[in-house]
Amino acid sequence: MKEKKMSSEDKDIQVTHDPENLKYVLTVDGEETGASHYLNIADGVREFHHTVVDDAFRGQGLSKPLITSALDQSREDGVKVVATCPAVRKLVRTTGDYKDIIVKASDVKKDDSGES
């Protein structure tokens, strides 16, 4: 049986922030289909390190709305972003829309003093 691929315009796509689990969740027509995971690596800095879309939904252009929503919300929250996830890096590079919030990992001062 051949699977019919639909464009993202034909679907009800939502992205929600799940701060307890450090991810943005993509749902399509009410079904969780992917996520963009991050770590809070310093005060006001998120590192997006992994983005995944379920196999059944790949090739439908769904990573873009997931990543743009995550980056837009990060900007609204006043958070800078380190893009170590290849999909996030690619979107940032191709759109050029997020230069104001993207920082290099080497420029982030992490609190690793180990003091209690």
Protein backbone atom coordinates (compact mmCIF):
# COMPACT_ATOMS: atom_id res chain seq x y z
CA MET A 1 0.00 0.00 0.00
CA LYS A 2 1.42 3.33 -1.04
CA GLU A 3 1.33 6.14 1.49
CA LYS A 4 -0.13 9.44 0.34
CA LYS A 5 2.01 12.39 1.29
CA MET A 6 0.18 15.59 1.99
CA SER A 7 1.65 19.04 2.05
CA SER A 8 1.83 20.77 5.40
CA GLU A 9 -0.90 23.22 4.24
CA ASP A 10 -3.44 20.36 4.32
CA LYS A 11 -2.85 19.56 7.99
CA ASP A 12 -3.61 21.03 11.40
CA ILE A 13 -0.08 21.67 12.66
CA GLN A 14 0.59 22.85 16.21
CA VAL A 15 3.81 23.37 18.14
CA THR A 16 3.73 23.57 21.93
CA HIS A 17 6.49 24.21 24.44
CA ASP A 18 7.09 21.50 27.03
CA PRO A 19 9.57 23.22 29.37
CA GLU A 20 9.52 20.38 31.93
CA ASN A 21 10.93 18.02 29.30
CA LEU A 22 13.03 20.69 27.54
CA LYS A 23 11.42 20.36 24.13
CA TYR A 24 9.02 21.82 21.62
CA VAL A 25 6.44 19.26 20.51
CA LEU A 26 4.97 19.05 17.01
CA THR A 27 1.45 17.70 16.63
CA VAL A 28 -0.25 17.05 13.31
CA ASP A 29 -4.00 16.58 13.33
CA GLY A 30 -3.80 15.98 17.10
CA GLU A 31 -1.05 13.34 16.90
CA GLU A 32 2.41 13.95 18.36
CA THR A 33 4.76 13.60 15.42
CA GLY A 34 8.05 15.19 16.42
CA ALA A 35 10.04 17.35 18.77
CA SER A 36 12.92 19.79 18.95
CA HIS A 37 14.97 19.16 22.08
CA TYR A 38 17.13 21.68 23.91
CA LEU A 39 19.23 22.18 27.00
CA ASN A 40 19.45 25.31 29.12
CA ILE A 41 23.24 25.68 28.98
CA ALA A 42 23.53 29.08 30.65
CA ASP A 43 21.26 31.79 31.99
CA GLY A 44 19.16 32.87 29.02
CA VAL A 45 20.75 30.44 26.55
CA ARG A 46 19.19 27.34 25.00
CA GLU A 47 21.13 24.81 22.99
CA PHE A 48 18.95 23.07 20.41
CA HIS A 49 20.72 19.74 19.99
CA HIS A 50 18.21 17.33 18.43
CA THR A 51 15.15 17.61 16.21
CA VAL A 52 13.16 14.60 15.08
CA VAL A 53 10.04 14.00 13.01
CA ASP A 54 8.50 10.52 13.12
CA ASP A 55 9.29 8.35 10.11
CA ALA A 56 5.67 8.28 8.95
CA PHE A 57 5.67 12.10 8.68
CA ARG A 58 9.11 12.73 7.15
CA GLY A 59 9.40 14.43 3.80
CA GLN A 60 6.33 16.58 4.36
CA GLY A 61 8.06 19.81 5.34
CA LEU A 62 7.13 19.50 9.02
CA SER A 63 10.53 20.20 10.56
CA LYS A 64 10.40 23.81 9.35
CA PRO A 65 7.27 24.86 11.29
CA LEU A 66 8.58 22.97 14.33
CA ILE A 67 11.96 24.70 14.30
CA THR A 68 10.66 28.17 13.39
CA SER A 69 8.09 27.99 16.20
CA ALA A 70 10.80 26.94 18.69
CA LEU A 71 13.10 29.76 17.57
CA ASP A 72 10.30 32.34 17.49
CA GLN A 73 9.26 31.41 21.05
CA SER A 74 12.88 31.53 22.19
CA ARG A 75 13.15 35.04 20.75
CA GLU A 76 9.90 36.08 22.48
CA ASP A 77 11.27 34.68 25.76
CA GLY A 78 14.42 36.79 25.35
CA VAL A 79 16.57 33.67 25.06
CA LYS A 80 19.67 33.26 22.90
CA VAL A 81 20.13 30.02 20.96
CA VAL A 82 23.07 27.75 20.23
CA ALA A 83 22.19 25.65 17.17
CA THR A 84 24.07 22.36 17.38
CA CYS A 85 21.24 20.38 15.77
CA PRO A 86 21.98 20.07 12.03
CA ALA A 87 18.34 20.78 11.08
CA VAL A 88 18.26 23.95 13.21
CA ARG A 89 21.63 25.10 11.80
CA LYS A 90 20.39 24.52 8.24
CA LEU A 91 17.18 26.49 8.78
CA VAL A 92 19.06 29.37 10.41
CA ARG A 93 21.61 29.42 7.59
CA THR A 94 19.06 29.24 4.75
CA THR A 95 16.55 31.76 6.12
CA GLY A 96 18.89 34.24 7.80
CA ASP A 97 15.94 35.18 10.02
CA TYR A 98 17.45 34.37 13.41
CA LYS A 99 20.86 36.06 13.42
CA ASP A 100 19.73 38.24 16.33
CA ILE A 101 19.34 35.27 18.71
CA ILE A 102 21.98 32.81 17.46
CA VAL A 103 25.22 32.60 19.43
CA LYS A 104 28.21 30.28 19.19
CA ALA A 105 28.71 27.72 21.93
CA SER A 106 32.25 29.07 22.42
CA ASP A 107 30.79 32.51 23.25
CA VAL A 108 28.55 31.19 26.03
CA LYS A 109 29.88 31.54 29.55
CA LYS A 110 28.70 28.44 31.35
CA ASP A 111 28.43 28.31 35.11
CA ASP A 112 30.64 25.29 35.75
CA SER A 113 32.49 26.50 38.79
CA GLY A 114 31.28 23.52 40.83
CA GLU A 115 30.68 25.66 43.90
CA SER A 116 27.78 24.77 46.21
